[in-house]
C-alpha atoms as a PDB file:
ATOM      1  CA  MET A   1       0.325  -0.016   0.139  1.00  0.00           C
ATOM      2  CA  ASN A   2       1.415   3.416  -1.249  1.00  0.00           C
ATOM      3  CA  THR A   3       1.615   6.622   0.856  1.00  0.00           C
ATOM      4  CA  ARG A   4      -1.466   7.985  -1.361  1.00  0.00           C
ATOM      5  CA  THR A   5      -3.724   5.077  -1.023  1.00  0.00           C
ATOM      6  CA  LEU A   6      -2.876   5.470   2.921  1.00  0.00           C
ATOM      7  CA  ILE A   7      -4.097   8.973   2.688  1.00  0.00           C
ATOM      8  CA  GLY A   8      -7.237   7.983   0.759  1.00  0.00           C
ATOM      9  CA  CYS A   9      -8.271   5.810   3.670  1.00  0.00           C
ATOM     10  CA  PHE A  10      -7.415   8.178   6.411  1.00  0.00           C
ATOM     11  CA  VAL A  11     -10.073  11.016   4.771  1.00  0.00           C
ATOM     12  CA  LEU A  12     -12.491   8.518   4.370  1.00  0.00           C
ATOM     13  CA  VAL A  13     -12.267   7.376   7.656  1.00  0.00           C
ATOM     14  CA  ALA A  14     -12.396  11.195   9.113  1.00  0.00           C
ATOM     15  CA  GLY A  15     -15.459  12.002   6.607  1.00  0.00           C
ATOM     16  CA  PHE A  16     -17.762   8.810   7.941  1.00  0.00           C
ATOM     17  CA  THR A  17     -17.220   8.769  11.371  1.00  0.00           C
ATOM     18  CA  PRO A  18     -20.621   8.310  12.766  1.00  0.00           C
ATOM     19  CA  THR A  19     -22.195  11.125  14.797  1.00  0.00           C
ATOM     20  CA  ALA A  20     -22.529   9.410  17.695  1.00  0.00           C
ATOM     21  CA  PHE A  21     -18.977  10.039  18.392  1.00  0.00           C
ATOM     22  CA  ALA A  22     -19.291  13.702  18.011  1.00  0.00           C
ATOM     23  CA  ASP A  23     -18.287  14.827  21.729  1.00  0.00           C
ATOM     24  CA  ASP A  24     -15.021  12.451  21.135  1.00  0.00           C
ATOM     25  CA  ALA A  25     -14.385  13.083  17.710  1.00  0.00           C
ATOM     26  CA  GLY A  26     -11.572  15.564  16.250  1.00  0.00           C
ATOM     27  CA  PHE A  27      -8.668  16.456  14.116  1.00  0.00           C
ATOM     28  CA  TYR A  28      -5.615  17.585  16.334  1.00  0.00           C
ATOM     29  CA  ILE A  29      -1.726  18.320  15.428  1.00  0.00           C
ATOM     30  CA  GLY A  30       1.537  17.655  17.013  1.00  0.00           C
ATOM     31  CA  ALA A  31       5.248  18.021  17.027  1.00  0.00           C
ATOM     32  CA  GLY A  32       7.874  16.646  19.272  1.00  0.00           C
ATOM     33  CA  ILE A  33      11.671  16.189  19.972  1.00  0.00           C
ATOM     34  CA  GLY A  34      13.974  13.792  21.379  1.00  0.00           C
ATOM     35  CA  THR A  35      16.708  10.821  21.047  1.00  0.00           C
ATOM     36  CA  ALA A  36      16.724   8.636  18.397  1.00  0.00           C
ATOM     37  CA  GLU A  37      19.209   5.600  18.883  1.00  0.00           C
ATOM     38  CA  HIS A  38      20.408   3.362  15.820  1.00  0.00           C
ATOM     39  CA  ALA A  39      21.824  -0.165  15.970  1.00  0.00           C
ATOM     40  CA  GLU A  40      25.567   0.237  16.932  1.00  0.00           C
ATOM     41  CA  ASN A  41      26.870  -2.423  14.783  1.00  0.00           C
ATOM     42  CA  VAL A  42      27.184  -1.194  11.162  1.00  0.00           C
ATOM     43  CA  GLY A  43      28.544  -2.855   7.920  1.00  0.00           C
ATOM     44  CA  LEU A  44      29.467  -1.432   4.542  1.00  0.00           C
ATOM     45  CA  LYS A  45      30.342  -2.990   0.906  1.00  0.00           C
ATOM     46  CA  PRO A  46      30.844  -0.739  -1.638  1.00  0.00           C
ATOM     47  CA  ALA A  47      31.145  -2.512  -5.295  1.00  0.00           C
ATOM     48  CA  ASP A  48      34.627  -4.104  -5.470  1.00  0.00           C
ATOM     49  CA  VAL A  49      35.959  -3.222  -1.914  1.00  0.00           C
ATOM     50  CA  PRO A  50      36.182  -5.812   0.763  1.00  0.00           C
ATOM     51  CA  LEU A  51      33.589  -6.160   3.611  1.00  0.00           C
ATOM     52  CA  MET A  52      33.841  -3.584   6.217  1.00  0.00           C
ATOM     53  CA  THR A  53      32.322  -3.319   9.173  1.00  0.00           C
ATOM     54  CA  GLY A  54      32.341  -0.811  12.490  1.00  0.00           C
ATOM     55  CA  THR A  55      31.167   0.718  15.038  1.00  0.00           C
ATOM     56  CA  GLY A  56      29.099   3.475  14.938  1.00  0.00           C
ATOM     57  CA  ASP A  57      27.772   6.561  16.316  1.00  0.00           C
ATOM     58  CA  SER A  58      24.418   5.093  16.885  1.00  0.00           C
ATOM     59  CA  ARG A  59      22.428   8.361  18.513  1.00  0.00           C
ATOM     60  CA  ASP A  60      21.234  11.653  17.215  1.00  0.00           C
ATOM     61  CA  THR A  61      18.197  14.436  17.404  1.00  0.00           C
ATOM     62  CA  THR A  62      14.880  13.379  16.079  1.00  0.00           C
ATOM     63  CA  TRP A  63      11.795  15.523  15.478  1.00  0.00           C
ATOM     64  CA  THR A  64       8.398  14.500  14.473  1.00  0.00           C
ATOM     65  CA  ALA A  65       5.141  16.079  12.955  1.00  0.00           C
ATOM     66  CA  THR A  66       1.796  14.519  13.339  1.00  0.00           C
ATOM     67  CA  LEU A  67      -1.717  14.941  11.925  1.00  0.00           C
ATOM     68  CA  GLY A  68      -4.171  12.899  13.507  1.00  0.00           C
ATOM     69  CA  TYR A  69      -8.023  12.326  13.930  1.00  0.00           C
ATOM     70  CA  ARG A  70      -9.526  10.717  16.974  1.00  0.00           C
ATOM     71  CA  VAL A  71     -12.758   8.818  16.049  1.00  0.00           C
ATOM     72  CA  ASN A  72     -13.444   8.102  19.505  1.00  0.00           C
ATOM     73  CA  SER A  73     -12.446   8.468  22.933  1.00  0.00           C
ATOM     74  CA  ASN A  74     -10.223   4.746  21.949  1.00  0.00           C
ATOM     75  CA  ILE A  75      -9.128   5.193  18.595  1.00  0.00           C
ATOM     76  CA  ALA A  76      -7.367   7.608  16.214  1.00  0.00           C
ATOM     77  CA  PHE A  77      -5.337   7.692  13.213  1.00  0.00           C
ATOM     78  CA  GLU A  78      -2.631   9.164  12.039  1.00  0.00           C
ATOM     79  CA  LEU A  79      -0.383  10.768   9.248  1.00  0.00           C
ATOM     80  CA  GLY A  80       3.225  11.888  10.574  1.00  0.00           C
ATOM     81  CA  TYR A  81       6.660  12.781   9.502  1.00  0.00           C
ATOM     82  CA  VAL A  82       9.664  11.909  11.150  1.00  0.00           C
ATOM     83  CA  ASP A  83      13.380  12.759  10.688  1.00  0.00           C
ATOM     84  CA  VAL A  84      15.114  10.083  12.937  1.00  0.00           C
ATOM     85  CA  GLY A  85      18.992  11.989  12.456  1.00  0.00           C
ATOM     86  CA  GLU A  86      22.252  10.680  11.012  1.00  0.00           C
ATOM     87  CA  MET A  87      24.547   7.793  12.213  1.00  0.00           C
ATOM     88  CA  GLU A  88      28.004   7.885  11.073  1.00  0.00           C
ATOM     89  CA  ALA A  89      30.825   5.409  11.795  1.00  0.00           C
ATOM     90  CA  ALA A  90      34.528   4.465  10.802  1.00  0.00           C
ATOM     91  CA  VAL A  91      34.745   1.009   9.141  1.00  0.00           C
ATOM     92  CA  ALA A  92      37.762  -1.317   8.271  1.00  0.00           C
ATOM     93  CA  ASP A  93      38.252  -4.813   6.781  1.00  0.00           C
ATOM     94  CA  PRO A  94      37.509  -7.120   9.584  1.00  0.00           C
ATOM     95  CA  SER A  95      39.340 -10.040   8.091  1.00  0.00           C
ATOM     96  CA  GLY A  96      42.404  -8.234   7.473  1.00  0.00           C
ATOM     97  CA  GLY A  97      43.645  -9.156   4.210  1.00  0.00           C
ATOM     98  CA  SER A  98      43.291  -5.596   2.558  1.00  0.00           C
ATOM     99  CA  ASP A  99      43.716  -2.006   4.214  1.00  0.00           C
ATOM    100  CA  ALA A 100      40.690  -0.999   3.415  1.00  0.00           C
ATOM    101  CA  ARG A 101      39.286   1.794   5.998  1.00  0.00           C
ATOM    102  CA  GLY A 102      35.990   3.876   5.085  1.00  0.00           C
ATOM    103  CA  GLN A 103      33.896   6.638   6.793  1.00  0.00           C
ATOM    104  CA  PHE A 104      29.892   6.474   6.147  1.00  0.00           C
ATOM    105  CA  SER A 105      26.862   8.517   7.272  1.00  0.00           C
ATOM    106  CA  PHE A 106      23.362   7.042   7.366  1.00  0.00           C
ATOM    107  CA  SER A 107      20.074   9.076   7.515  1.00  0.00           C
ATOM    108  CA  THR A 108      16.727   8.172   7.543  1.00  0.00           C
ATOM    109  CA  GLU A 109      13.368  10.255   7.503  1.00  0.00           C
ATOM    110  CA  GLY A 110       9.883   9.736   6.006  1.00  0.00           C
ATOM    111  CA  VAL A 111       6.239   9.654   6.372  1.00  0.00           C
ATOM    112  CA  THR A 112       4.463   7.911   9.106  1.00  0.00           C
ATOM    113  CA  ALA A 113       0.916   6.521   8.946  1.00  0.00           C
ATOM    114  CA  ALA A 114      -0.797   4.801  11.859  1.00  0.00           C
ATOM    115  CA  MET A 115      -3.429   3.505  13.922  1.00  0.00           C
ATOM    116  CA  VAL A 116      -3.648   4.601  17.552  1.00  0.00           C
ATOM    117  CA  GLY A 117      -5.382   2.557  20.212  1.00  0.00           C
ATOM    118  CA  ARG A 118      -6.116   4.984  23.386  1.00  0.00           C
ATOM    119  CA  PHE A 119      -6.975   4.379  26.951  1.00  0.00           C
ATOM    120  CA  PRO A 120      -8.145   7.412  28.936  1.00  0.00           C
ATOM    121  CA  ILE A 121      -7.741   7.379  32.866  1.00  0.00           C
ATOM    122  CA  GLY A 122      -8.857  10.613  33.748  1.00  0.00           C
ATOM    123  CA  LYS A 123      -6.518  13.309  32.334  1.00  0.00           C
ATOM    124  CA  TRP A 124      -3.994  10.416  31.516  1.00  0.00           C
ATOM    125  CA  THR A 125      -4.245   8.798  28.232  1.00  0.00           C
ATOM    126  CA  PRO A 126      -2.041   6.356  27.855  1.00  0.00           C
ATOM    127  CA  TYR A 127      -1.570   4.351  23.969  1.00  0.00           C
ATOM    128  CA  ILE A 128      -0.352   1.832  22.014  1.00  0.00           C
ATOM    129  CA  LYS A 129       0.128   2.298  17.953  1.00  0.00           C
ATOM    130  CA  ALA A 130       0.935   0.370  14.872  1.00  0.00           C
ATOM    131  CA  GLY A 131       1.730   1.566  11.320  1.00  0.00           C
ATOM    132  CA  VAL A 132       4.630   1.915   8.676  1.00  0.00           C
ATOM    133  CA  LEU A 133       7.046   4.578   8.015  1.00  0.00           C
ATOM    134  CA  PHE A 134       7.726   5.155   4.252  1.00  0.00           C
ATOM    135  CA  SER A 135      11.257   5.940   4.318  1.00  0.00           C
ATOM    136  CA  GLU A 136      13.728   7.962   2.585  1.00  0.00           C
ATOM    137  CA  THR A 137      17.076   6.840   3.333  1.00  0.00           C
ATOM    138  CA  ASP A 138      20.719   8.686   2.176  1.00  0.00           C
ATOM    139  CA  LEU A 139      23.984   6.963   2.507  1.00  0.00           C
ATOM    140  CA  ALA A 140      27.364   8.613   1.662  1.00  0.00           C
ATOM    141  CA  PHE A 141      30.602   7.225   1.993  1.00  0.00           C
ATOM    142  CA  ALA A 142      34.285   7.421   1.072  1.00  0.00           C
ATOM    143  CA  GLY A 143      37.819   5.772   2.216  1.00  0.00           C
ATOM    144  CA  SER A 144      40.379   3.794   0.565  1.00  0.00           C
ATOM    145  CA  VAL A 145      42.109   0.717  -0.451  1.00  0.00           C
ATOM    146  CA  SER A 146      45.769  -0.431  -1.762  1.00  0.00           C
ATOM    147  CA  GLY A 147      46.080   3.618  -1.936  1.00  0.00           C
ATOM    148  CA  ALA A 148      42.963   3.721  -4.181  1.00  0.00           C
ATOM    149  CA  ALA A 149      40.455   5.822  -2.872  1.00  0.00           C
ATOM    150  CA  PHE A 150      36.628   5.565  -3.472  1.00  0.00           C
ATOM    151  CA  GLY A 151      33.431   7.541  -2.648  1.00  0.00           C
ATOM    152  CA  GLY A 152      29.833   7.641  -3.369  1.00  0.00           C
ATOM    153  CA  ARG A 153      26.322   8.259  -2.520  1.00  0.00           C
ATOM    154  CA  VAL A 154      23.294   5.582  -2.447  1.00  0.00           C
ATOM    155  CA  LYS A 155      19.641   6.831  -1.910  1.00  0.00           C
ATOM    156  CA  GLY A 156      16.659   4.645  -1.501  1.00  0.00           C
ATOM    157  CA  ASP A 157      13.080   4.103   0.099  1.00  0.00           C
ATOM    158  CA  SER A 158      11.149   1.310   1.475  1.00  0.00           C
ATOM    159  CA  GLU A 159       8.009   0.356   3.603  1.00  0.00           C
ATOM    160  CA  ASP A 160       8.899  -0.409   6.911  1.00  0.00           C
ATOM    161  CA  ALA A 161       6.774  -1.676   9.909  1.00  0.00           C
ATOM    162  CA  LEU A 162       6.453   0.563  12.984  1.00  0.00           C
ATOM    163  CA  PHE A 163       5.277   0.317  16.835  1.00  0.00           C
ATOM    164  CA  GLY A 164       5.126   2.481  19.904  1.00  0.00           C
ATOM    165  CA  ILE A 165       3.826   3.171  23.248  1.00  0.00           C
ATOM    166  CA  GLY A 166       3.318   6.692  24.908  1.00  0.00           C
ATOM    167  CA  VAL A 167       1.171   8.534  27.252  1.00  0.00           C
ATOM    168  CA  ILE A 168      -0.607  12.113  26.839  1.00  0.00           C
ATOM    169  CA  TYR A 169      -1.460  14.288  29.486  1.00  0.00           C
ATOM    170  CA  ASP A 170      -4.712  16.755  29.399  1.00  0.00           C
ATOM    171  CA  LEU A 171      -3.177  20.264  29.968  1.00  0.00           C
ATOM    172  CA  GLY A 172      -6.658  21.739  29.308  1.00  0.00           C
ATOM    173  CA  ASP A 173      -7.641  24.441  27.283  1.00  0.00           C
ATOM    174  CA  ARG A 174      -7.241  21.709  23.907  1.00  0.00           C
ATOM    175  CA  TRP A 175      -3.473  21.325  24.750  1.00  0.00           C
ATOM    176  CA  ALA A 176      -1.730  18.334  26.119  1.00  0.00           C
ATOM    177  CA  ALA A 177       1.948  17.102  26.517  1.00  0.00           C
ATOM    178  CA  GLN A 178       2.542  14.224  24.979  1.00  0.00           C
ATOM    179  CA  LEU A 179       5.594  11.164  25.757  1.00  0.00           C
ATOM    180  CA  ASP A 180       6.104   8.454  22.976  1.00  0.00           C
ATOM    181  CA  PHE A 181       8.314   5.934  22.368  1.00  0.00           C
ATOM    182  CA  THR A 182       8.652   4.683  18.817  1.00  0.00           C
ATOM    183  CA  HIS A 183      10.310   1.533  17.316  1.00  0.00           C
ATOM    184  CA  ALA A 184      11.396   0.519  13.545  1.00  0.00           C
ATOM    185  CA  LYS A 185      12.438  -2.137  11.955  1.00  0.00           C
ATOM    186  CA  GLU A 186      14.830  -2.207   9.549  1.00  0.00           C
ATOM    187  CA  ALA A 187      14.402   1.117   8.102  1.00  0.00           C
ATOM    188  CA  GLY A 188      15.572   1.835   4.913  1.00  0.00           C
ATOM    189  CA  ASP A 189      16.685  -0.921   1.915  1.00  0.00           C
ATOM    190  CA  PRO A 190      19.794  -3.183   1.376  1.00  0.00           C
ATOM    191  CA  GLU A 191      21.267  -1.158  -1.240  1.00  0.00           C
ATOM    192  CA  SER A 192      21.587   2.154   0.675  1.00  0.00           C
ATOM    193  CA  GLY A 193      21.551   0.579   3.847  1.00  0.00           C
ATOM    194  CA  GLN A 194      19.176  -0.605   7.013  1.00  0.00           C
ATOM    195  CA  SER A 195      18.894   0.088  10.677  1.00  0.00           C
ATOM    196  CA  ASP A 196      16.434  -0.629  13.479  1.00  0.00           C
ATOM    197  CA  TYR A 197      15.870   2.480  15.514  1.00  0.00           C
ATOM    198  CA  ASN A 198      14.503   3.557  19.041  1.00  0.00           C
ATOM    199  CA  ALA A 199      12.836   7.308  19.237  1.00  0.00           C
ATOM    200  CA  ALA A 200      12.128   8.616  22.819  1.00  0.00           C
ATOM    201  CA  THR A 201      10.233  12.059  21.827  1.00  0.00           C
ATOM    202  CA  ILE A 202       8.451  14.717  24.141  1.00  0.00           C
ATOM    203  CA  GLY A 203       6.102  16.961  22.617  1.00  0.00           C
ATOM    204  CA  LEU A 204       2.661  18.838  22.543  1.00  0.00           C
ATOM    205  CA  LEU A 205      -0.646  18.193  21.133  1.00  0.00           C
ATOM    206  CA  TRP A 206      -3.506  20.660  19.906  1.00  0.00           C
ATOM    207  CA  ARG A 207      -6.817  19.730  19.404  1.00  0.00           C
ATOM    208  CA  PHE A 208      -8.933  21.519  16.815  1.00  0.00           C
END
């Protein structure tokens, strides 16, 4: 299912929500910032270069933006955008059979679509969510082997599962604070690179 199809489904759900839920239904927007953690162990295989592995700088700042529609007190649908930040690593030939050395950076961002299960308790609303990250990845690398320099850039896109939990606290006057934890599985594609990531963000929501 592509991004356009998911957006269409989102609009249809919002448009045909039963009027019995009018008091609970409504659109909301949100934004958050926090930290994303990638897998630390990384591998790189440019053409005609020995396999290189290493340990990367696995944390970077992440930010999110969200447009949601609350069907009722317990169900919501969300479209969002997430920038997971950039992972950097120094890599070498683990076999010791060559002097291959390199540096690379790997970044991930993209559109998200998710269904949210909400469990309100007074001013607190714990939730769980599941959906898809339509990721865009950018892999840049450079290095040398046997005195010859190499380098390049590979971009890719993929559809990856995401899951999350969090809690919302009602601040009143349509505002709420949000603490969110999201996990994406193997974001990216095999050619440009893949990495699991965990993101923790704190943000604000505003209900229309």
